[in-house]
C-alpha atoms as a PDB file:
ATOM      1  CA  MET A   1     -49.429  12.071 -12.962  1.00  0.00           C
ATOM      2  CA  VAL A   2     -51.173  15.535 -13.204  1.00  0.00           C
ATOM      3  CA  GLU A   3     -54.849  15.303 -14.227  1.00  0.00           C
ATOM      4  CA  ARG A   4     -56.042  17.817 -16.786  1.00  0.00           C
ATOM      5  CA  GLN A   5     -58.963  19.873 -15.373  1.00  0.00           C
ATOM      6  CA  PRO A   6     -60.875  21.855 -18.057  1.00  0.00           C
ATOM      7  CA  GLY A   7     -61.752  24.661 -15.605  1.00  0.00           C
ATOM      8  CA  LEU A   8     -58.156  25.084 -14.488  1.00  0.00           C
ATOM      9  CA  THR A   9     -56.970  24.971 -18.116  1.00  0.00           C
ATOM     10  CA  LEU A  10     -59.273  27.654 -19.066  1.00  0.00           C
ATOM     11  CA  LEU A  11     -58.331  29.871 -16.138  1.00  0.00           C
ATOM     12  CA  THR A  12     -54.661  29.419 -16.982  1.00  0.00           C
ATOM     13  CA  HIS A  13     -55.202  30.364 -20.633  1.00  0.00           C
ATOM     14  CA  VAL A  14     -57.390  33.525 -19.581  1.00  0.00           C
ATOM     15  CA  ILE A  15     -54.534  34.697 -17.186  1.00  0.00           C
ATOM     16  CA  LEU A  16     -51.916  34.081 -19.919  1.00  0.00           C
ATOM     17  CA  VAL A  17     -53.859  36.004 -22.625  1.00  0.00           C
ATOM     18  CA  PHE A  18     -54.533  38.799 -20.003  1.00  0.00           C
ATOM     19  CA  GLY A  19     -50.797  38.998 -19.335  1.00  0.00           C
ATOM     20  CA  ILE A  20     -49.894  39.140 -23.065  1.00  0.00           C
ATOM     21  CA  VAL A  21     -52.431  41.884 -23.659  1.00  0.00           C
ATOM     22  CA  VAL A  22     -51.116  43.964 -20.731  1.00  0.00           C
ATOM     23  CA  VAL A  23     -47.476  43.608 -22.003  1.00  0.00           C
ATOM     24  CA  ALA A  24     -48.260  43.920 -25.742  1.00  0.00           C
ATOM     25  CA  PHE A  25     -50.750  46.788 -25.694  1.00  0.00           C
ATOM     26  CA  PRO A  26     -48.233  49.592 -24.916  1.00  0.00           C
ATOM     27  CA  ILE A  27     -46.053  48.244 -27.784  1.00  0.00           C
ATOM     28  CA  TYR A  28     -49.185  48.341 -30.155  1.00  0.00           C
ATOM     29  CA  VAL A  29     -49.977  51.842 -29.137  1.00  0.00           C
ATOM     30  CA  THR A  30     -46.443  52.929 -29.922  1.00  0.00           C
ATOM     31  CA  PHE A  31     -46.590  51.239 -33.254  1.00  0.00           C
ATOM     32  CA  VAL A  32     -49.978  52.892 -34.058  1.00  0.00           C
ATOM     33  CA  ALA A  33     -48.575  56.366 -33.015  1.00  0.00           C
ATOM     34  CA  SER A  34     -45.589  55.785 -35.300  1.00  0.00           C
ATOM     35  CA  THR A  35     -47.953  55.557 -38.351  1.00  0.00           C
ATOM     36  CA  HIS A  36     -49.977  58.767 -37.838  1.00  0.00           C
ATOM     37  CA  THR A  37     -49.225  62.485 -38.173  1.00  0.00           C
ATOM     38  CA  LEU A  38     -48.331  64.533 -35.109  1.00  0.00           C
ATOM     39  CA  ASP A  39     -51.775  66.145 -35.054  1.00  0.00           C
ATOM     40  CA  ASP A  40     -53.343  62.746 -34.857  1.00  0.00           C
ATOM     41  CA  VAL A  41     -51.128  61.616 -31.998  1.00  0.00           C
ATOM     42  CA  VAL A  42     -51.634  64.707 -29.793  1.00  0.00           C
ATOM     43  CA  ARG A  43     -55.349  64.850 -30.382  1.00  0.00           C
ATOM     44  CA  ALA A  44     -57.506  63.107 -27.789  1.00  0.00           C
ATOM     45  CA  PRO A  45     -58.473  60.385 -28.071  1.00  0.00           C
ATOM     46  CA  MET A  46     -55.548  59.047 -30.273  1.00  0.00           C
ATOM     47  CA  PRO A  47     -56.560  56.686 -32.958  1.00  0.00           C
ATOM     48  CA  LEU A  48     -55.984  53.013 -32.125  1.00  0.00           C
ATOM     49  CA  LEU A  49     -55.886  51.841 -35.709  1.00  0.00           C
ATOM     50  CA  PRO A  50     -52.732  52.138 -37.792  1.00  0.00           C
ATOM     51  CA  GLY A  51     -52.503  55.260 -40.029  1.00  0.00           C
ATOM     52  CA  HIS A  52     -51.138  55.859 -43.499  1.00  0.00           C
ATOM     53  CA  ARG A  53     -47.821  57.483 -42.688  1.00  0.00           C
ATOM     54  CA  LEU A  54     -45.811  54.512 -41.692  1.00  0.00           C
ATOM     55  CA  LEU A  55     -43.220  54.651 -44.447  1.00  0.00           C
ATOM     56  CA  GLU A  56     -42.940  58.401 -44.384  1.00  0.00           C
ATOM     57  CA  ASN A  57     -42.306  58.545 -40.606  1.00  0.00           C
ATOM     58  CA  TYR A  58     -39.775  55.680 -40.597  1.00  0.00           C
ATOM     59  CA  GLN A  59     -37.988  56.905 -43.738  1.00  0.00           C
ATOM     60  CA  ALA A  60     -37.671  60.444 -42.062  1.00  0.00           C
ATOM     61  CA  VAL A  61     -36.162  59.248 -38.777  1.00  0.00           C
ATOM     62  CA  LEU A  62     -33.758  56.775 -40.547  1.00  0.00           C
ATOM     63  CA  GLY A  63     -32.553  59.176 -43.149  1.00  0.00           C
ATOM     64  CA  HIS A  64     -32.735  62.643 -41.647  1.00  0.00           C
ATOM     65  CA  GLY A  65     -33.262  62.406 -37.981  1.00  0.00           C
ATOM     66  CA  LEU A  66     -35.141  64.740 -35.684  1.00  0.00           C
ATOM     67  CA  ARG A  67     -34.172  68.364 -35.012  1.00  0.00           C
ATOM     68  CA  SER A  68     -34.774  67.693 -31.260  1.00  0.00           C
ATOM     69  CA  ALA A  69     -32.065  65.043 -31.300  1.00  0.00           C
ATOM     70  CA  GLY A  70     -29.516  67.187 -32.974  1.00  0.00           C
ATOM     71  CA  GLY A  71     -30.452  66.278 -36.557  1.00  0.00           C
ATOM     72  CA  ALA A  72     -28.326  63.075 -36.693  1.00  0.00           C
ATOM     73  CA  PRO A  73     -30.079  60.247 -38.587  1.00  0.00           C
ATOM     74  CA  VAL A  74     -31.570  57.521 -36.422  1.00  0.00           C
ATOM     75  CA  GLY A  75     -29.953  54.906 -38.635  1.00  0.00           C
ATOM     76  CA  ARG A  76     -26.510  56.114 -37.504  1.00  0.00           C
ATOM     77  CA  MET A  77     -27.558  55.876 -33.874  1.00  0.00           C
ATOM     78  CA  LEU A  78     -28.757  52.260 -34.316  1.00  0.00           C
ATOM     79  CA  VAL A  79     -25.343  51.391 -35.751  1.00  0.00           C
ATOM     80  CA  ASN A  80     -23.732  53.037 -32.741  1.00  0.00           C
ATOM     81  CA  SER A  81     -25.892  51.000 -30.335  1.00  0.00           C
ATOM     82  CA  LEU A  82     -25.299  47.802 -32.321  1.00  0.00           C
ATOM     83  CA  VAL A  83     -21.524  48.286 -32.230  1.00  0.00           C
ATOM     84  CA  MET A  84     -21.610  49.181 -28.533  1.00  0.00           C
ATOM     85  CA  ALA A  85     -23.889  46.230 -27.596  1.00  0.00           C
ATOM     86  CA  ALA A  86     -22.040  43.612 -29.648  1.00  0.00           C
ATOM     87  CA  ALA A  87     -18.588  44.728 -28.528  1.00  0.00           C
ATOM     88  CA  ILE A  88     -19.643  44.756 -24.884  1.00  0.00           C
ATOM     89  CA  ALA A  89     -21.128  41.267 -25.084  1.00  0.00           C
ATOM     90  CA  ALA A  90     -18.270  39.809 -27.040  1.00  0.00           C
ATOM     91  CA  GLY A  91     -15.642  41.491 -24.750  1.00  0.00           C
ATOM     92  CA  LYS A  92     -17.245  40.388 -21.608  1.00  0.00           C
ATOM     93  CA  ILE A  93     -17.562  36.773 -22.755  1.00  0.00           C
ATOM     94  CA  ALA A  94     -13.906  36.666 -23.996  1.00  0.00           C
ATOM     95  CA  ILE A  95     -12.464  38.221 -20.806  1.00  0.00           C
ATOM     96  CA  SER A  96     -14.696  36.097 -18.586  1.00  0.00           C
ATOM     97  CA  LEU A  97     -13.729  32.862 -20.379  1.00  0.00           C
ATOM     98  CA  LEU A  98     -10.032  33.562 -20.033  1.00  0.00           C
ATOM     99  CA  SER A  99     -10.372  34.720 -16.290  1.00  0.00           C
ATOM    100  CA  ALA A 100     -12.445  31.595 -15.380  1.00  0.00           C
ATOM    101  CA  PHE A 101     -10.054  29.348 -17.138  1.00  0.00           C
ATOM    102  CA  ALA A 102      -7.022  30.720 -15.243  1.00  0.00           C
ATOM    103  CA  ILE A 103      -8.845  30.592 -11.991  1.00  0.00           C
ATOM    104  CA  VAL A 104      -9.979  26.980 -12.354  1.00  0.00           C
ATOM    105  CA  TYR A 105      -7.140  25.265 -14.146  1.00  0.00           C
ATOM    106  CA  PHE A 106      -4.006  27.173 -13.060  1.00  0.00           C
ATOM    107  CA  ARG A 107      -2.307  27.093  -9.612  1.00  0.00           C
ATOM    108  CA  PHE A 108      -0.971  30.387  -8.550  1.00  0.00           C
ATOM    109  CA  PRO A 109      -0.638  32.231  -5.237  1.00  0.00           C
ATOM    110  CA  CYS A 110      -3.775  33.862  -3.919  1.00  0.00           C
ATOM    111  CA  ARG A 111      -5.956  32.212  -6.513  1.00  0.00           C
ATOM    112  CA  ALA A 112      -9.105  32.189  -4.375  1.00  0.00           C
ATOM    113  CA  ALA A 113      -8.398  35.693  -3.220  1.00  0.00           C
ATOM    114  CA  ALA A 114      -8.210  36.867  -6.943  1.00  0.00           C
ATOM    115  CA  PHE A 115     -11.499  35.259  -7.702  1.00  0.00           C
ATOM    116  CA  TRP A 116     -13.238  36.874  -4.702  1.00  0.00           C
ATOM    117  CA  LEU A 117     -11.821  40.252  -5.485  1.00  0.00           C
ATOM    118  CA  ILE A 118     -13.322  39.912  -8.959  1.00  0.00           C
ATOM    119  CA  PHE A 119     -16.619  38.817  -7.474  1.00  0.00           C
ATOM    120  CA  LEU A 120     -16.620  41.672  -4.971  1.00  0.00           C
ATOM    121  CA  THR A 121     -16.701  44.180  -7.888  1.00  0.00           C
ATOM    122  CA  LEU A 122     -20.328  43.348  -8.291  1.00  0.00           C
ATOM    123  CA  MET A 123     -20.894  45.691  -5.324  1.00  0.00           C
ATOM    124  CA  LEU A 124     -19.324  48.566  -7.491  1.00  0.00           C
ATOM    125  CA  PRO A 125     -21.800  49.483 -10.113  1.00  0.00           C
ATOM    126  CA  VAL A 126     -21.031  51.810 -12.924  1.00  0.00           C
ATOM    127  CA  GLU A 127     -22.673  54.718 -11.057  1.00  0.00           C
ATOM    128  CA  VAL A 128     -20.276  54.353  -8.227  1.00  0.00           C
ATOM    129  CA  ARG A 129     -17.065  54.428 -10.322  1.00  0.00           C
ATOM    130  CA  ILE A 130     -18.389  56.584 -13.147  1.00  0.00           C
ATOM    131  CA  VAL A 131     -16.448  59.760 -12.160  1.00  0.00           C
ATOM    132  CA  PRO A 132     -12.937  58.176 -12.125  1.00  0.00           C
ATOM    133  CA  THR A 133     -13.795  56.164 -15.222  1.00  0.00           C
ATOM    134  CA  TYR A 134     -14.818  59.236 -17.096  1.00  0.00           C
ATOM    135  CA  LYS A 135     -11.573  60.964 -16.035  1.00  0.00           C
ATOM    136  CA  VAL A 136      -9.434  58.104 -17.309  1.00  0.00           C
ATOM    137  CA  ILE A 137     -11.383  57.956 -20.675  1.00  0.00           C
ATOM    138  CA  ALA A 138     -11.169  61.831 -21.127  1.00  0.00           C
ATOM    139  CA  ASP A 139      -7.437  61.714 -20.352  1.00  0.00           C
ATOM    140  CA  LEU A 140      -6.928  59.044 -22.989  1.00  0.00           C
ATOM    141  CA  GLY A 141      -8.907  61.024 -25.594  1.00  0.00           C
ATOM    142  CA  LEU A 142     -11.497  58.478 -26.099  1.00  0.00           C
ATOM    143  CA  LEU A 143     -14.637  60.680 -25.669  1.00  0.00           C
ATOM    144  CA  ASN A 144     -17.052  60.385 -28.695  1.00  0.00           C
ATOM    145  CA  SER A 145     -15.493  57.066 -29.758  1.00  0.00           C
ATOM    146  CA  TYR A 146     -16.462  53.456 -29.981  1.00  0.00           C
ATOM    147  CA  ALA A 147     -13.549  52.538 -27.678  1.00  0.00           C
ATOM    148  CA  GLY A 148     -14.804  54.907 -24.969  1.00  0.00           C
ATOM    149  CA  LEU A 149     -18.353  53.569 -25.273  1.00  0.00           C
ATOM    150  CA  THR A 150     -17.269  49.941 -24.833  1.00  0.00           C
ATOM    151  CA  VAL A 151     -13.892  49.405 -23.073  1.00  0.00           C
ATOM    152  CA  PRO A 152     -15.003  50.591 -19.629  1.00  0.00           C
ATOM    153  CA  LEU A 153     -17.968  48.185 -19.670  1.00  0.00           C
ATOM    154  CA  ILE A 154     -16.425  44.950 -21.071  1.00  0.00           C
ATOM    155  CA  ALA A 155     -15.283  43.338 -17.680  1.00  0.00           C
ATOM    156  CA  SER A 156     -17.938  41.221 -16.052  1.00  0.00           C
ATOM    157  CA  ALA A 157     -17.709  39.531 -12.588  1.00  0.00           C
ATOM    158  CA  THR A 158     -20.994  37.801 -13.079  1.00  0.00           C
ATOM    159  CA  ALA A 159     -19.936  36.082 -16.333  1.00  0.00           C
ATOM    160  CA  THR A 160     -16.559  35.128 -14.754  1.00  0.00           C
ATOM    161  CA  PHE A 161     -18.428  33.539 -11.900  1.00  0.00           C
ATOM    162  CA  LEU A 162     -20.888  31.647 -14.137  1.00  0.00           C
ATOM    163  CA  PHE A 163     -18.050  30.350 -16.338  1.00  0.00           C
ATOM    164  CA  ARG A 164     -15.970  29.370 -13.233  1.00  0.00           C
ATOM    165  CA  GLN A 165     -18.930  27.342 -11.858  1.00  0.00           C
ATOM    166  CA  PHE A 166     -19.398  25.695 -15.317  1.00  0.00           C
ATOM    167  CA  PHE A 167     -15.726  24.849 -15.660  1.00  0.00           C
ATOM    168  CA  LEU A 168     -15.807  23.218 -12.137  1.00  0.00           C
ATOM    169  CA  THR A 169     -18.397  20.700 -13.538  1.00  0.00           C
ATOM    170  CA  VAL A 170     -16.271  19.691 -16.570  1.00  0.00           C
ATOM    171  CA  PRO A 171     -14.861  16.134 -15.889  1.00  0.00           C
ATOM    172  CA  ASP A 172     -11.233  15.927 -15.004  1.00  0.00           C
ATOM    173  CA  GLU A 173     -10.995  13.058 -17.562  1.00  0.00           C
ATOM    174  CA  LEU A 174     -11.145  15.584 -20.269  1.00  0.00           C
ATOM    175  CA  LEU A 175      -8.190  17.529 -19.008  1.00  0.00           C
ATOM    176  CA  GLU A 176      -6.235  14.217 -18.474  1.00  0.00           C
ATOM    177  CA  ALA A 177      -7.104  12.962 -22.007  1.00  0.00           C
ATOM    178  CA  ALA A 178      -5.860  16.403 -23.477  1.00  0.00           C
ATOM    179  CA  ARG A 179      -2.625  16.012 -21.594  1.00  0.00           C
ATOM    180  CA  ILE A 180      -2.080  12.469 -22.897  1.00  0.00           C
ATOM    181  CA  ASP A 181      -2.705  13.763 -26.457  1.00  0.00           C
ATOM    182  CA  GLY A 182      -0.104  16.412 -25.984  1.00  0.00           C
ATOM    183  CA  ALA A 183      -2.453  19.357 -25.933  1.00  0.00           C
ATOM    184  CA  GLY A 184      -1.260  22.434 -24.084  1.00  0.00           C
ATOM    185  CA  PRO A 185      -3.458  24.800 -22.017  1.00  0.00           C
ATOM    186  CA  LEU A 186      -4.327  26.928 -24.995  1.00  0.00           C
ATOM    187  CA  ARG A 187      -5.293  23.987 -27.109  1.00  0.00           C
ATOM    188  CA  PHE A 188      -7.337  22.615 -24.213  1.00  0.00           C
ATOM    189  CA  PHE A 189      -9.040  25.874 -23.853  1.00  0.00           C
ATOM    190  CA  THR A 190      -9.903  26.420 -27.542  1.00  0.00           C
ATOM    191  CA  ALA A 191     -10.577  22.809 -28.635  1.00  0.00           C
ATOM    192  CA  ILE A 192     -12.391  21.501 -25.550  1.00  0.00           C
ATOM    193  CA  LEU A 193     -13.645  24.137 -23.072  1.00  0.00           C
ATOM    194  CA  VAL A 194     -15.006  26.636 -25.460  1.00  0.00           C
ATOM    195  CA  PRO A 195     -17.031  24.127 -27.585  1.00  0.00           C
ATOM    196  CA  VAL A 196     -18.572  22.453 -24.459  1.00  0.00           C
ATOM    197  CA  SER A 197     -19.452  26.056 -23.186  1.00  0.00           C
ATOM    198  CA  ARG A 198     -21.146  27.127 -26.485  1.00  0.00           C
ATOM    199  CA  THR A 199     -24.726  27.128 -24.989  1.00  0.00           C
ATOM    200  CA  SER A 200     -23.688  29.087 -22.003  1.00  0.00           C
ATOM    201  CA  ILE A 201     -21.851  31.514 -24.200  1.00  0.00           C
ATOM    202  CA  ALA A 202     -25.052  31.939 -26.289  1.00  0.00           C
ATOM    203  CA  ALA A 203     -27.167  32.439 -23.203  1.00  0.00           C
ATOM    204  CA  LEU A 204     -24.744  34.952 -21.810  1.00  0.00           C
ATOM    205  CA  PHE A 205     -24.434  36.787 -25.182  1.00  0.00           C
ATOM    206  CA  VAL A 206     -28.185  37.421 -25.352  1.00  0.00           C
ATOM    207  CA  ILE A 207     -28.201  38.824 -21.754  1.00  0.00           C
ATOM    208  CA  LEU A 208     -25.112  40.944 -22.219  1.00  0.00           C
ATOM    209  CA  PHE A 209     -26.158  42.202 -25.660  1.00  0.00           C
ATOM    210  CA  ILE A 210     -29.431  43.553 -24.117  1.00  0.00           C
ATOM    211  CA  TYR A 211     -27.478  44.992 -21.229  1.00  0.00           C
ATOM    212  CA  GLY A 212     -25.168  46.883 -23.600  1.00  0.00           C
ATOM    213  CA  TRP A 213     -28.120  48.033 -25.836  1.00  0.00           C
ATOM    214  CA  ASN A 214     -29.922  49.506 -22.848  1.00  0.00           C
ATOM    215  CA  GLN A 215     -26.975  51.524 -21.511  1.00  0.00           C
ATOM    216  CA  TYR A 216     -28.027  55.119 -20.905  1.00  0.00           C
ATOM    217  CA  LEU A 217     -25.888  56.853 -18.317  1.00  0.00           C
ATOM    218  CA  TRP A 218     -22.437  56.102 -19.642  1.00  0.00           C
ATOM    219  CA  PRO A 219     -23.138  57.003 -23.278  1.00  0.00           C
ATOM    220  CA  LEU A 220     -24.981  60.107 -22.103  1.00  0.00           C
ATOM    221  CA  LEU A 221     -21.757  61.296 -20.355  1.00  0.00           C
ATOM    222  CA  ILE A 222     -19.129  60.578 -22.959  1.00  0.00           C
ATOM    223  CA  THR A 223     -20.898  61.440 -26.140  1.00  0.00           C
ATOM    224  CA  THR A 224     -21.331  65.127 -27.141  1.00  0.00           C
ATOM    225  CA  ASP A 225     -21.258  64.604 -30.869  1.00  0.00           C
ATOM    226  CA  GLU A 226     -24.664  63.840 -32.276  1.00  0.00           C
ATOM    227  CA  ALA A 227     -23.101  61.385 -34.661  1.00  0.00           C
ATOM    228  CA  MET A 228     -21.916  59.264 -31.737  1.00  0.00           C
ATOM    229  CA  TYR A 229     -25.312  59.183 -29.858  1.00  0.00           C
ATOM    230  CA  THR A 230     -26.721  55.705 -29.061  1.00  0.00           C
ATOM    231  CA  ILE A 231     -30.404  55.068 -29.719  1.00  0.00           C
ATOM    232  CA  VAL A 232     -31.399  55.274 -26.064  1.00  0.00           C
ATOM    233  CA  VAL A 233     -29.710  58.540 -25.595  1.00  0.00           C
ATOM    234  CA  ALA A 234     -31.424  59.750 -28.815  1.00  0.00           C
ATOM    235  CA  ILE A 235     -34.788  58.944 -27.528  1.00  0.00           C
ATOM    236  CA  HIS A 236     -34.142  60.919 -24.386  1.00  0.00           C
ATOM    237  CA  ARG A 237     -32.995  63.911 -26.245  1.00  0.00           C
ATOM    238  CA  MET A 238     -36.025  63.753 -28.574  1.00  0.00           C
ATOM    239  CA  VAL A 239     -38.420  64.244 -25.689  1.00  0.00           C
ATOM    240  CA  SER A 240     -36.261  66.546 -23.670  1.00  0.00           C
ATOM    241  CA  VAL A 241     -36.982  69.772 -25.525  1.00  0.00           C
ATOM    242  CA  ALA A 242     -37.658  73.078 -23.872  1.00  0.00           C
ATOM    243  CA  GLU A 243     -39.915  75.082 -26.136  1.00  0.00           C
ATOM    244  CA  ALA A 244     -40.132  73.147 -29.409  1.00  0.00           C
ATOM    245  CA  GLN A 245     -43.015  70.690 -30.049  1.00  0.00           C
ATOM    246  CA  VAL A 246     -42.034  67.078 -29.415  1.00  0.00           C
ATOM    247  CA  GLU A 247     -42.429  65.116 -32.641  1.00  0.00           C
ATOM    248  CA  TRP A 248     -44.237  62.255 -30.939  1.00  0.00           C
ATOM    249  CA  HIS A 249     -45.106  60.416 -34.100  1.00  0.00           C
ATOM    250  CA  ARG A 250     -41.387  60.153 -34.994  1.00  0.00           C
ATOM    251  CA  VAL A 251     -40.278  59.522 -31.446  1.00  0.00           C
ATOM    252  CA  MET A 252     -42.560  56.487 -31.393  1.00  0.00           C
ATOM    253  CA  ALA A 253     -41.144  55.319 -34.718  1.00  0.00           C
ATOM    254  CA  THR A 254     -37.602  55.628 -33.142  1.00  0.00           C
ATOM    255  CA  ALA A 255     -38.751  53.685 -30.251  1.00  0.00           C
ATOM    256  CA  MET A 256     -40.111  50.928 -32.419  1.00  0.00           C
ATOM    257  CA  LEU A 257     -36.724  50.839 -34.215  1.00  0.00           C
ATOM    258  CA  ALA A 258     -34.878  50.663 -30.911  1.00  0.00           C
ATOM    259  CA  MET A 259     -36.786  47.488 -30.000  1.00  0.00           C
ATOM    260  CA  LEU A 260     -35.974  45.543 -33.161  1.00  0.00           C
ATOM    261  CA  PRO A 261     -32.287  44.485 -32.753  1.00  0.00           C
ATOM    262  CA  PRO A 262     -32.805  43.002 -29.207  1.00  0.00           C
ATOM    263  CA  VAL A 263     -35.963  41.191 -30.320  1.00  0.00           C
ATOM    264  CA  VAL A 264     -34.130  39.776 -33.330  1.00  0.00           C
ATOM    265  CA  VAL A 265     -31.150  38.661 -31.189  1.00  0.00           C
ATOM    266  CA  VAL A 266     -33.567  36.953 -28.748  1.00  0.00           C
ATOM    267  CA  ILE A 267     -35.513  35.245 -31.522  1.00  0.00           C
ATOM    268  CA  VAL A 268     -32.496  34.033 -33.457  1.00  0.00           C
ATOM    269  CA  MET A 269     -30.779  32.677 -30.429  1.00  0.00           C
ATOM    270  CA  GLN A 270     -33.795  31.490 -28.434  1.00  0.00           C
ATOM    271  CA  ARG A 271     -33.019  27.782 -28.715  1.00  0.00           C
ATOM    272  CA  TRP A 272     -29.498  28.200 -27.559  1.00  0.00           C
ATOM    273  CA  PHE A 273     -30.576  30.711 -24.770  1.00  0.00           C
ATOM    274  CA  VAL A 274     -32.964  28.152 -23.316  1.00  0.00           C
ATOM    275  CA  ARG A 275     -30.454  25.335 -23.599  1.00  0.00           C
ATOM    276  CA  GLY A 276     -27.751  27.539 -21.915  1.00  0.00           C
ATOM    277  CA  LEU A 277     -30.094  28.073 -18.967  1.00  0.00           C
ATOM    278  CA  VAL A 278     -31.391  24.600 -18.404  1.00  0.00           C
ATOM    279  CA  GLU A 279     -28.512  22.252 -19.447  1.00  0.00           C
ATOM    280  CA  THR A 280     -25.339  21.408 -17.711  1.00  0.00           C
ATOM    281  CA  GLU A 281     -23.863  19.902 -20.823  1.00  0.00           C
ATOM    282  CA  LYS A 282     -20.933  18.195 -19.418  1.00  0.00           C
END
């Protein structure tokens, strides 16, 4: 039994509070900057208390956008990022579930070799294969499209490996019971394997959604139309101006908006996310 020591408890809480302050202070400064005028933000020292331009700044970026980002509304860019992140997460999970199901429950030649070939693709990040991938997408006419943003990124060796490892822990008695009841492979997959994998699916969805939301290099390459920019690309273009003055107050408002969807996903699915990481759920 661990004894509670008041001094150690106090030290632990002090370290915890210090860590929270270190992480949260930049976010607070970003929020404060998004509520002031440009003159207030660029003047030293910048105010550390919220200003009176919160609604005006956020309405401006959501409805009209910034000249430095091509003039497209940030609201449209948020939708683009949301569609991209959700499609990538759902696609990765669907493909990985089917791949792991085939590798674990079907007998076919070179089954182990197929799995290890999938696993070895982890050594080929997007940056390595980005030129041939771009060539394929361009030849198919998928530039500046949701399909071009999502299709090249929906395969996941990591998710396939995790689902394979989980399926290996599923008792063989479930498979035998399904066979006795006359269930075919598809029925066994949809009625038994997917339901018992729901916490793992939820945990992976959170991770993959954030992965898709934070994508920068691929959207930067295949989007030339301002209406198809993702929010991460938009923030980069807002600050990458040559001679014009960077609208820092609205850039900070855009950054705050960019943080909201991932935070909402994590908060909503927090319970499932934790269970998916710590439970075997056989």
